[in-house]
Each structure stands twice: as structure tokens, then as C-alpha cells.
Amino acid sequence: MGTPPFGPFAQQPAAAPAWVPYLNLVHGVRMDYPNTWMTQEQATPFTFVAWFGSPQQGPQDPFQENLTVTVQPVFAGTTLDGIVQTWQTMAMQARIQVAESGPSTLAGQQAFRALCQTPPQPPAGQPNRVLLFAFLLGNRACTVAYTGQSSHFDQFLPTVQQMLATLQVH
């Protein structure tokens, strides 16, 4: 009988976070997210934003990776192509580098998808990477964006993909 190879007080692997539902009936948004993430809502008469923040990676972590779901009304006749053209103009003016973009699907809707990188952002001075989706649902435009520091983007991407797989907007 010997001592276990990692000692009697070996650290057990952390349990996977539980998933909890987010639901906003007024704006028709539902999505599951890990209970280790924070959530906040902000609404104005014209825009609704649900924000989901990743766990901080320590006291020196200057940026919290996040996923936002934005829902806002659009004028009759607004098209996804029109929204994409407006976004492309804004991205070019903000010096955002688009690595890839094109058609996609999200929440069962035809969508536009783009993977981009911003110029360096304070406070860390690193560029952020952004995975963006946009789609129309009736008279509403929905934008979903995952934003993370370039050095941490891939760490949370699998979790964000799981979250997006459960997204519903009605």
C-alpha cells in the first residue's frame, strides 16, 4: 500500500458548469448559457441588448469576453443585404479588418456572418476579434456578436458556439 501517485489531496478536475436558460418574452429571445457567465439586459424604446460575459480570468484580466444579442426594429422594406452594406461601410470607417464573411444560418434564419479584428483596444492595447451574425425576423433586425481579446478569443469560442446552437428569436 503506497501513497496515491498524486498524494492524498490531489486536486479533482473542476466540474463542468451547469447550463441555465435565458428568456426574454418581450423581445422573444431564448438561449442557454453557462451559469459561470454573467448576464445583463439593456432596453430603450428602439433597441434591446442582452449581454453575456465570460468568467474573468483573474484579477489582472483587463477584458471580459462577451456575447451580445441585439434586437431592434427596422423600416418596412429593409433587407439583409442593406444591413450588410451598412455594416461593411461602418467596419471600413472603423478600420476593422474582415478575415471572412458570407451567408450563414443562425436561430433557424438566413444570416450574414463575419469574422473580424478591430484595431488595438484599451486598456490592454490588444486587438479584439469579433464573430458577428446579422439576420432579419419580420420587422426586426437581430445582431449577435461574440467579442474577445485576440489572445483569449479561441478559449471561449466552443462555449459560445454551444450557446449559439440554443439561440431562438421569435
N, C-alpha and C. Protein backbone atom coordinates (compact mmCIF):
# COMPACT_ATOMS: atom_id res chain seq x y z
N MET A 1 0.85 -1.18 0.00
CA MET A 1 0.00 0.00 0.00
C MET A 1 0.88 1.23 0.00
N GLY A 2 0.77 1.99 -0.98
CA GLY A 2 1.56 3.20 -1.05
C GLY A 2 0.67 4.43 -1.11
N THR A 3 1.31 5.55 -1.21
CA THR A 3 0.58 6.81 -1.36
C THR A 3 0.11 6.91 -2.80
N PRO A 4 -1.12 7.36 -3.01
CA PRO A 4 -1.59 7.55 -4.38
C PRO A 4 -0.60 8.43 -5.14
N PRO A 5 -0.48 8.24 -6.46
CA PRO A 5 0.55 8.93 -7.24
C PRO A 5 0.48 10.45 -7.15
N PHE A 6 -0.66 11.02 -6.85
CA PHE A 6 -0.76 12.48 -6.77
C PHE A 6 -0.98 12.94 -5.34
N GLY A 7 -0.69 12.10 -4.38
CA GLY A 7 -0.84 12.47 -2.99
C GLY A 7 -2.27 12.33 -2.52
N PRO A 8 -2.47 12.35 -1.23
CA PRO A 8 -3.80 12.12 -0.69
C PRO A 8 -4.76 13.28 -0.95
N PHE A 9 -4.27 14.46 -1.30
CA PHE A 9 -5.15 15.61 -1.50
C PHE A 9 -5.08 16.10 -2.94
N ALA A 10 -4.99 15.17 -3.86
CA ALA A 10 -4.90 15.55 -5.27
C ALA A 10 -6.13 16.38 -5.65
N GLN A 11 -5.88 17.40 -6.44
CA GLN A 11 -6.97 18.28 -6.84
C GLN A 11 -7.82 17.56 -7.89
N GLN A 12 -9.12 17.58 -7.66
CA GLN A 12 -10.05 16.97 -8.60
C GLN A 12 -10.31 17.96 -9.74
N PRO A 13 -10.55 17.44 -10.94
CA PRO A 13 -10.86 18.35 -12.05
C PRO A 13 -12.13 19.13 -11.73
N ALA A 14 -12.17 20.39 -12.17
CA ALA A 14 -13.35 21.22 -11.94
C ALA A 14 -14.54 20.65 -12.69
N ALA A 15 -15.67 20.70 -12.05
CA ALA A 15 -16.90 20.22 -12.69
C ALA A 15 -17.28 21.18 -13.81
N ALA A 16 -17.86 20.63 -14.85
CA ALA A 16 -18.32 21.46 -15.95
C ALA A 16 -19.45 22.35 -15.45
N PRO A 17 -19.52 23.59 -15.94
CA PRO A 17 -20.59 24.47 -15.47
C PRO A 17 -21.95 23.96 -15.89
N ALA A 18 -22.94 24.24 -15.07
CA ALA A 18 -24.31 23.91 -15.44
C ALA A 18 -24.80 24.95 -16.44
N TRP A 19 -25.73 24.56 -17.27
CA TRP A 19 -26.30 25.49 -18.25
C TRP A 19 -27.67 25.92 -17.75
N VAL A 20 -27.95 27.20 -17.90
CA VAL A 20 -29.23 27.76 -17.46
C VAL A 20 -29.88 28.49 -18.62
N PRO A 21 -31.20 28.54 -18.64
CA PRO A 21 -31.87 29.24 -19.74
C PRO A 21 -31.96 30.74 -19.50
N TYR A 22 -31.75 31.49 -20.56
CA TYR A 22 -32.04 32.93 -20.56
C TYR A 22 -33.31 33.08 -21.37
N LEU A 23 -34.24 33.89 -20.89
CA LEU A 23 -35.50 34.07 -21.59
C LEU A 23 -35.97 35.51 -21.42
N ASN A 24 -36.28 36.16 -22.53
CA ASN A 24 -36.90 37.47 -22.51
C ASN A 24 -38.12 37.38 -23.41
N LEU A 25 -39.29 37.29 -22.79
CA LEU A 25 -40.53 37.11 -23.54
C LEU A 25 -40.91 38.35 -24.34
N VAL A 26 -40.60 39.53 -23.84
CA VAL A 26 -40.97 40.76 -24.53
C VAL A 26 -40.30 40.83 -25.90
N HIS A 27 -39.04 40.45 -25.98
CA HIS A 27 -38.29 40.54 -27.23
C HIS A 27 -38.13 39.19 -27.92
N GLY A 28 -38.67 38.13 -27.33
CA GLY A 28 -38.67 36.83 -27.97
C GLY A 28 -37.31 36.17 -28.07
N VAL A 29 -36.45 36.38 -27.09
CA VAL A 29 -35.10 35.82 -27.13
C VAL A 29 -34.98 34.72 -26.08
N ARG A 30 -34.45 33.57 -26.51
CA ARG A 30 -34.18 32.47 -25.60
C ARG A 30 -32.84 31.87 -25.96
N MET A 31 -32.01 31.58 -24.97
CA MET A 31 -30.72 30.96 -25.21
C MET A 31 -30.21 30.37 -23.89
N ASP A 32 -29.55 29.24 -23.98
CA ASP A 32 -28.91 28.64 -22.80
C ASP A 32 -27.49 29.20 -22.70
N TYR A 33 -27.03 29.37 -21.45
CA TYR A 33 -25.68 29.86 -21.21
C TYR A 33 -25.14 29.23 -19.93
N PRO A 34 -23.81 29.15 -19.79
CA PRO A 34 -23.22 28.55 -18.59
C PRO A 34 -23.50 29.41 -17.36
N ASN A 35 -23.74 28.76 -16.24
CA ASN A 35 -24.03 29.51 -15.02
C ASN A 35 -22.81 30.25 -14.48
N THR A 36 -21.67 30.04 -15.07
CA THR A 36 -20.46 30.78 -14.69
C THR A 36 -20.36 32.12 -15.42
N TRP A 37 -21.23 32.35 -16.38
CA TRP A 37 -21.25 33.61 -17.14
C TRP A 37 -22.25 34.56 -16.49
N MET A 38 -22.00 35.86 -16.63
CA MET A 38 -22.93 36.88 -16.14
C MET A 38 -23.84 37.30 -17.28
N THR A 39 -24.99 37.84 -16.91
CA THR A 39 -25.89 38.37 -17.94
C THR A 39 -26.48 39.69 -17.48
N GLN A 40 -26.68 40.59 -18.44
CA GLN A 40 -27.31 41.88 -18.20
C GLN A 40 -28.19 42.21 -19.38
N GLU A 41 -29.22 43.01 -19.13
CA GLU A 41 -30.10 43.48 -20.19
C GLU A 41 -30.10 45.00 -20.21
N GLN A 42 -30.27 45.54 -21.40
CA GLN A 42 -30.46 46.97 -21.55
C GLN A 42 -31.51 47.17 -22.64
N ALA A 43 -32.50 47.98 -22.34
CA ALA A 43 -33.56 48.23 -23.31
C ALA A 43 -33.86 49.72 -23.39
N THR A 44 -34.06 50.17 -24.62
CA THR A 44 -34.56 51.52 -24.88
C THR A 44 -35.81 51.32 -25.73
N PRO A 45 -36.52 52.38 -26.05
CA PRO A 45 -37.69 52.18 -26.91
C PRO A 45 -37.35 51.58 -28.28
N PHE A 46 -36.07 51.69 -28.70
CA PHE A 46 -35.72 51.24 -30.04
C PHE A 46 -34.74 50.08 -30.10
N THR A 47 -34.10 49.75 -29.01
CA THR A 47 -33.09 48.70 -29.04
C THR A 47 -33.14 47.88 -27.76
N PHE A 48 -32.95 46.58 -27.93
CA PHE A 48 -32.83 45.68 -26.78
C PHE A 48 -31.50 44.96 -26.92
N VAL A 49 -30.73 44.91 -25.82
CA VAL A 49 -29.45 44.20 -25.82
C VAL A 49 -29.41 43.26 -24.62
N ALA A 50 -29.10 42.00 -24.89
CA ALA A 50 -28.78 41.03 -23.84
C ALA A 50 -27.29 40.77 -23.93
N TRP A 51 -26.59 40.95 -22.81
CA TRP A 51 -25.13 40.80 -22.75
C TRP A 51 -24.80 39.62 -21.87
N PHE A 52 -23.90 38.76 -22.35
CA PHE A 52 -23.44 37.59 -21.60
C PHE A 52 -21.92 37.69 -21.48
N GLY A 53 -21.41 37.79 -20.24
CA GLY A 53 -19.99 37.97 -20.01
C GLY A 53 -19.34 36.71 -19.49
N SER A 54 -18.20 36.37 -20.07
CA SER A 54 -17.45 35.18 -19.66
C SER A 54 -16.91 35.38 -18.24
N PRO A 55 -16.52 34.27 -17.61
CA PRO A 55 -15.86 34.43 -16.30
C PRO A 55 -14.55 35.19 -16.46
N GLN A 56 -14.24 36.06 -15.52
CA GLN A 56 -12.96 36.76 -15.57
C GLN A 56 -11.85 35.75 -15.35
N GLN A 57 -10.73 35.98 -15.97
CA GLN A 57 -9.62 35.04 -15.93
C GLN A 57 -8.60 35.43 -14.88
N GLY A 58 -9.02 36.19 -13.91
CA GLY A 58 -8.13 36.59 -12.83
C GLY A 58 -8.22 38.08 -12.60
N PRO A 59 -7.62 38.54 -11.52
CA PRO A 59 -7.72 39.96 -11.18
C PRO A 59 -7.02 40.89 -12.18
N GLN A 60 -6.10 40.37 -12.94
CA GLN A 60 -5.38 41.20 -13.92
C GLN A 60 -6.00 41.14 -15.31
N ASP A 61 -7.13 40.44 -15.46
CA ASP A 61 -7.78 40.31 -16.76
C ASP A 61 -8.44 41.64 -17.12
N PRO A 62 -7.94 42.35 -18.14
CA PRO A 62 -8.47 43.69 -18.45
C PRO A 62 -9.73 43.68 -19.30
N PHE A 63 -10.10 42.53 -19.85
CA PHE A 63 -11.24 42.49 -20.78
C PHE A 63 -12.05 41.24 -20.55
N GLN A 64 -13.34 41.38 -20.51
CA GLN A 64 -14.22 40.23 -20.32
C GLN A 64 -14.82 39.86 -21.67
N GLU A 65 -14.47 38.68 -22.17
CA GLU A 65 -15.04 38.21 -23.43
C GLU A 65 -16.56 38.16 -23.26
N ASN A 66 -17.30 38.45 -24.35
CA ASN A 66 -18.75 38.55 -24.21
C ASN A 66 -19.48 38.22 -25.49
N LEU A 67 -20.73 37.88 -25.30
CA LEU A 67 -21.66 37.62 -26.39
C LEU A 67 -22.83 38.57 -26.21
N THR A 68 -23.18 39.32 -27.24
CA THR A 68 -24.34 40.21 -27.16
C THR A 68 -25.38 39.80 -28.20
N VAL A 69 -26.63 39.92 -27.80
CA VAL A 69 -27.76 39.71 -28.70
C VAL A 69 -28.52 41.02 -28.73
N THR A 70 -28.61 41.63 -29.92
CA THR A 70 -29.28 42.91 -30.07
C THR A 70 -30.48 42.73 -30.99
N VAL A 71 -31.61 43.28 -30.57
CA VAL A 71 -32.84 43.24 -31.37
C VAL A 71 -33.34 44.66 -31.50
N GLN A 72 -33.60 45.10 -32.74
CA GLN A 72 -34.13 46.45 -32.92
C GLN A 72 -35.07 46.48 -34.13
N PRO A 73 -36.05 47.37 -34.08
CA PRO A 73 -36.98 47.46 -35.21
C PRO A 73 -36.30 48.04 -36.44
N VAL A 74 -36.81 47.67 -37.61
CA VAL A 74 -36.31 48.21 -38.87
C VAL A 74 -37.50 48.70 -39.69
N PHE A 75 -37.21 49.55 -40.64
CA PHE A 75 -38.25 50.07 -41.52
C PHE A 75 -38.74 48.97 -42.47
N ALA A 76 -39.98 49.06 -42.88
CA ALA A 76 -40.52 48.14 -43.88
C ALA A 76 -39.65 48.21 -45.13
N GLY A 77 -39.40 47.09 -45.72
CA GLY A 77 -38.58 47.04 -46.93
C GLY A 77 -37.10 46.88 -46.67
N THR A 78 -36.68 46.91 -45.41
CA THR A 78 -35.27 46.70 -45.08
C THR A 78 -34.88 45.27 -45.47
N THR A 79 -33.73 45.14 -46.09
CA THR A 79 -33.26 43.81 -46.50
C THR A 79 -31.98 43.46 -45.74
N LEU A 80 -31.68 42.19 -45.70
CA LEU A 80 -30.43 41.75 -45.09
C LEU A 80 -29.25 42.32 -45.87
N ASP A 81 -29.34 42.36 -47.19
CA ASP A 81 -28.26 42.95 -48.00
C ASP A 81 -28.03 44.41 -47.62
N GLY A 82 -29.09 45.14 -47.37
CA GLY A 82 -28.95 46.54 -46.96
C GLY A 82 -28.25 46.67 -45.61
N ILE A 83 -28.61 45.80 -44.68
CA ILE A 83 -27.96 45.80 -43.37
C ILE A 83 -26.48 45.46 -43.52
N VAL A 84 -26.18 44.48 -44.35
CA VAL A 84 -24.78 44.07 -44.57
C VAL A 84 -23.99 45.22 -45.19
N GLN A 85 -24.54 45.90 -46.17
CA GLN A 85 -23.83 47.02 -46.80
C GLN A 85 -23.54 48.14 -45.79
N THR A 86 -24.52 48.44 -44.94
CA THR A 86 -24.32 49.45 -43.90
C THR A 86 -23.21 49.02 -42.95
N TRP A 87 -23.24 47.75 -42.53
CA TRP A 87 -22.21 47.25 -41.62
C TRP A 87 -20.83 47.30 -42.27
N GLN A 88 -20.73 46.91 -43.55
CA GLN A 88 -19.44 46.94 -44.23
C GLN A 88 -18.87 48.35 -44.30
N THR A 89 -19.72 49.33 -44.54
CA THR A 89 -19.27 50.73 -44.57
C THR A 89 -18.76 51.15 -43.19
N MET A 90 -19.52 50.83 -42.15
CA MET A 90 -19.10 51.18 -40.79
C MET A 90 -17.81 50.47 -40.42
N ALA A 91 -17.66 49.21 -40.79
CA ALA A 91 -16.45 48.45 -40.48
C ALA A 91 -15.23 49.07 -41.16
N MET A 92 -15.39 49.47 -42.40
CA MET A 92 -14.28 50.08 -43.13
C MET A 92 -13.88 51.41 -42.47
N GLN A 93 -14.86 52.22 -42.08
CA GLN A 93 -14.57 53.50 -41.43
C GLN A 93 -13.88 53.30 -40.08
N ALA A 94 -14.19 52.21 -39.39
CA ALA A 94 -13.59 51.93 -38.08
C ALA A 94 -12.28 51.15 -38.20
N ARG A 95 -11.81 50.93 -39.42
CA ARG A 95 -10.57 50.19 -39.67
C ARG A 95 -10.64 48.76 -39.14
N ILE A 96 -11.81 48.17 -39.22
CA ILE A 96 -11.97 46.76 -38.81
C ILE A 96 -11.57 45.89 -39.99
N GLN A 97 -10.70 44.92 -39.72
CA GLN A 97 -10.25 44.00 -40.76
C GLN A 97 -11.18 42.79 -40.79
N VAL A 98 -11.76 42.53 -41.93
CA VAL A 98 -12.67 41.40 -42.09
C VAL A 98 -11.87 40.23 -42.62
N ALA A 99 -11.75 39.16 -41.83
CA ALA A 99 -11.00 37.97 -42.23
C ALA A 99 -11.83 37.10 -43.16
N GLU A 100 -13.11 36.99 -42.86
CA GLU A 100 -14.02 36.20 -43.70
C GLU A 100 -15.43 36.67 -43.47
N SER A 101 -16.27 36.56 -44.49
CA SER A 101 -17.67 36.93 -44.35
C SER A 101 -18.48 36.23 -45.43
N GLY A 102 -19.76 36.09 -45.17
CA GLY A 102 -20.63 35.46 -46.14
C GLY A 102 -21.93 34.99 -45.53
N PRO A 103 -22.72 34.29 -46.32
CA PRO A 103 -24.02 33.82 -45.82
C PRO A 103 -23.86 32.72 -44.78
N SER A 104 -24.82 32.65 -43.89
CA SER A 104 -24.81 31.66 -42.83
C SER A 104 -26.24 31.43 -42.38
N THR A 105 -26.39 30.68 -41.31
CA THR A 105 -27.69 30.46 -40.68
C THR A 105 -27.51 30.60 -39.18
N LEU A 106 -28.46 31.25 -38.53
CA LEU A 106 -28.44 31.35 -37.07
C LEU A 106 -29.88 31.42 -36.58
N ALA A 107 -30.17 30.71 -35.53
CA ALA A 107 -31.51 30.67 -34.95
C ALA A 107 -32.56 30.31 -36.00
N GLY A 108 -32.16 29.45 -36.93
CA GLY A 108 -33.07 28.99 -37.98
C GLY A 108 -33.35 30.03 -39.06
N GLN A 109 -32.57 31.11 -39.08
CA GLN A 109 -32.79 32.19 -40.04
C GLN A 109 -31.59 32.34 -40.97
N GLN A 110 -31.87 32.76 -42.21
CA GLN A 110 -30.79 33.10 -43.12
C GLN A 110 -30.07 34.30 -42.53
N ALA A 111 -28.75 34.24 -42.46
CA ALA A 111 -27.98 35.27 -41.77
C ALA A 111 -26.73 35.63 -42.55
N PHE A 112 -26.13 36.74 -42.15
CA PHE A 112 -24.82 37.16 -42.60
C PHE A 112 -23.86 36.86 -41.46
N ARG A 113 -22.67 36.38 -41.77
CA ARG A 113 -21.67 36.05 -40.76
C ARG A 113 -20.36 36.69 -41.16
N ALA A 114 -19.67 37.26 -40.17
CA ALA A 114 -18.35 37.85 -40.42
C ALA A 114 -17.44 37.56 -39.24
N LEU A 115 -16.19 37.30 -39.54
CA LEU A 115 -15.15 37.16 -38.53
C LEU A 115 -14.17 38.30 -38.78
N CYS A 116 -13.95 39.15 -37.77
CA CYS A 116 -13.17 40.36 -37.96
C CYS A 116 -12.20 40.58 -36.82
N GLN A 117 -11.36 41.59 -37.03
CA GLN A 117 -10.42 42.01 -35.99
C GLN A 117 -10.43 43.53 -35.94
N THR A 118 -10.53 44.06 -34.72
CA THR A 118 -10.52 45.51 -34.52
C THR A 118 -9.08 46.01 -34.40
N PRO A 119 -8.90 47.31 -34.53
CA PRO A 119 -7.59 47.87 -34.17
C PRO A 119 -7.35 47.65 -32.67
N PRO A 120 -6.12 47.82 -32.19
CA PRO A 120 -5.85 47.64 -30.76
C PRO A 120 -6.79 48.47 -29.90
N GLN A 121 -7.29 47.83 -28.82
CA GLN A 121 -8.28 48.45 -27.93
C GLN A 121 -7.70 48.64 -26.54
N PRO A 122 -8.03 49.77 -25.89
CA PRO A 122 -7.64 49.92 -24.49
C PRO A 122 -8.48 48.97 -23.63
N PRO A 123 -8.13 48.57 -22.45
CA PRO A 123 -6.93 49.01 -21.74
C PRO A 123 -5.72 48.15 -22.05
N ALA A 124 -5.90 46.99 -22.68
CA ALA A 124 -4.77 46.08 -22.87
C ALA A 124 -3.94 46.41 -24.11
N GLY A 125 -4.48 47.22 -25.00
CA GLY A 125 -3.75 47.55 -26.21
C GLY A 125 -3.72 46.43 -27.23
N GLN A 126 -4.60 45.44 -27.06
CA GLN A 126 -4.68 44.31 -27.99
C GLN A 126 -5.86 44.50 -28.93
N PRO A 127 -5.77 43.96 -30.12
CA PRO A 127 -6.96 43.95 -30.96
C PRO A 127 -7.97 42.94 -30.42
N ASN A 128 -9.23 43.19 -30.70
CA ASN A 128 -10.28 42.22 -30.38
C ASN A 128 -10.66 41.50 -31.65
N ARG A 129 -11.07 40.26 -31.49
CA ARG A 129 -11.67 39.51 -32.60
C ARG A 129 -13.16 39.47 -32.35
N VAL A 130 -13.92 39.55 -33.43
CA VAL A 130 -15.38 39.58 -33.33
C VAL A 130 -15.96 38.59 -34.33
N LEU A 131 -16.86 37.75 -33.82
CA LEU A 131 -17.66 36.87 -34.67
C LEU A 131 -19.05 37.48 -34.67
N LEU A 132 -19.51 37.92 -35.82
CA LEU A 132 -20.76 38.67 -35.94
C LEU A 132 -21.75 37.92 -36.81
N PHE A 133 -23.01 37.91 -36.39
CA PHE A 133 -24.11 37.41 -37.20
C PHE A 133 -25.17 38.49 -37.25
N ALA A 134 -25.85 38.62 -38.38
CA ALA A 134 -26.99 39.52 -38.50
C ALA A 134 -28.07 38.82 -39.31
N PHE A 135 -29.31 38.98 -38.87
CA PHE A 135 -30.43 38.43 -39.62
C PHE A 135 -31.67 39.26 -39.37
N LEU A 136 -32.65 39.11 -40.26
CA LEU A 136 -33.93 39.80 -40.13
C LEU A 136 -34.98 38.81 -39.68
N LEU A 137 -35.87 39.29 -38.85
CA LEU A 137 -37.01 38.49 -38.42
C LEU A 137 -38.22 39.43 -38.44
N GLY A 138 -38.96 39.36 -39.54
CA GLY A 138 -40.08 40.29 -39.69
C GLY A 138 -39.59 41.71 -39.74
N ASN A 139 -40.12 42.55 -38.85
CA ASN A 139 -39.73 43.96 -38.83
C ASN A 139 -38.64 44.26 -37.81
N ARG A 140 -37.83 43.23 -37.48
CA ARG A 140 -36.73 43.41 -36.52
C ARG A 140 -35.42 42.91 -37.11
N ALA A 141 -34.36 43.63 -36.78
CA ALA A 141 -33.01 43.18 -37.13
C ALA A 141 -32.39 42.60 -35.87
N CYS A 142 -31.73 41.47 -36.00
CA CYS A 142 -31.06 40.83 -34.88
C CYS A 142 -29.58 40.74 -35.20
N THR A 143 -28.77 41.20 -34.25
CA THR A 143 -27.33 41.13 -34.39
C THR A 143 -26.78 40.36 -33.19
N VAL A 144 -25.94 39.39 -33.46
CA VAL A 144 -25.33 38.59 -32.41
C VAL A 144 -23.83 38.70 -32.61
N ALA A 145 -23.12 39.10 -31.56
CA ALA A 145 -21.67 39.30 -31.69
C ALA A 145 -20.94 38.71 -30.50
N TYR A 146 -19.95 37.89 -30.81
CA TYR A 146 -19.02 37.41 -29.78
C TYR A 146 -17.75 38.20 -29.93
N THR A 147 -17.31 38.86 -28.86
CA THR A 147 -16.13 39.71 -28.88
C THR A 147 -15.14 39.21 -27.83
N GLY A 148 -13.91 39.04 -28.24
CA GLY A 148 -12.88 38.61 -27.30
C GLY A 148 -11.52 39.16 -27.68
N GLN A 149 -10.68 39.35 -26.68
CA GLN A 149 -9.31 39.73 -26.98
C GLN A 149 -8.71 38.66 -27.87
N SER A 150 -7.89 39.06 -28.80
CA SER A 150 -7.29 38.09 -29.73
C SER A 150 -6.64 36.93 -29.00
N SER A 151 -5.98 37.22 -27.87
CA SER A 151 -5.27 36.17 -27.14
C SER A 151 -6.20 35.21 -26.39
N HIS A 152 -7.47 35.57 -26.20
CA HIS A 152 -8.40 34.71 -25.46
C HIS A 152 -9.61 34.26 -26.30
N PHE A 153 -9.73 34.75 -27.52
CA PHE A 153 -10.92 34.51 -28.35
C PHE A 153 -11.21 33.01 -28.49
N ASP A 154 -10.20 32.24 -28.87
CA ASP A 154 -10.41 30.81 -29.12
C ASP A 154 -10.75 30.03 -27.85
N GLN A 155 -10.33 30.52 -26.70
CA GLN A 155 -10.60 29.83 -25.44
C GLN A 155 -12.10 29.71 -25.17
N PHE A 156 -12.86 30.77 -25.47
CA PHE A 156 -14.29 30.77 -25.17
C PHE A 156 -15.15 30.43 -26.39
N LEU A 157 -14.56 30.33 -27.57
CA LEU A 157 -15.33 30.07 -28.78
C LEU A 157 -16.17 28.80 -28.71
N PRO A 158 -15.66 27.66 -28.22
CA PRO A 158 -16.52 26.46 -28.15
C PRO A 158 -17.76 26.68 -27.27
N THR A 159 -17.61 27.40 -26.17
CA THR A 159 -18.76 27.69 -25.31
C THR A 159 -19.75 28.58 -26.04
N VAL A 160 -19.25 29.59 -26.72
CA VAL A 160 -20.11 30.50 -27.47
C VAL A 160 -20.85 29.72 -28.57
N GLN A 161 -20.17 28.81 -29.23
CA GLN A 161 -20.84 28.01 -30.27
C GLN A 161 -21.97 27.18 -29.67
N GLN A 162 -21.76 26.63 -28.47
CA GLN A 162 -22.83 25.89 -27.80
C GLN A 162 -23.99 26.82 -27.46
N MET A 163 -23.69 28.02 -27.00
CA MET A 163 -24.73 28.99 -26.69
C MET A 163 -25.53 29.31 -27.95
N LEU A 164 -24.83 29.59 -29.05
CA LEU A 164 -25.50 29.95 -30.29
C LEU A 164 -26.37 28.83 -30.83
N ALA A 165 -25.98 27.60 -30.57
CA ALA A 165 -26.78 26.46 -31.04
C ALA A 165 -28.15 26.42 -30.35
N THR A 166 -28.28 27.07 -29.21
CA THR A 166 -29.56 27.06 -28.50
C THR A 166 -30.36 28.35 -28.71
N LEU A 167 -29.80 29.33 -29.43
CA LEU A 167 -30.46 30.63 -29.61
C LEU A 167 -31.76 30.50 -30.39
N GLN A 168 -32.79 31.12 -29.84
CA GLN A 168 -34.07 31.24 -30.52
C GLN A 168 -34.53 32.68 -30.42
N VAL A 169 -35.01 33.23 -31.53
CA VAL A 169 -35.59 34.56 -31.53
C VAL A 169 -36.92 34.45 -32.25
N HIS A 170 -37.97 34.88 -31.56
CA HIS A 170 -39.34 34.79 -32.13
C HIS A 170 -39.98 36.16 -32.20
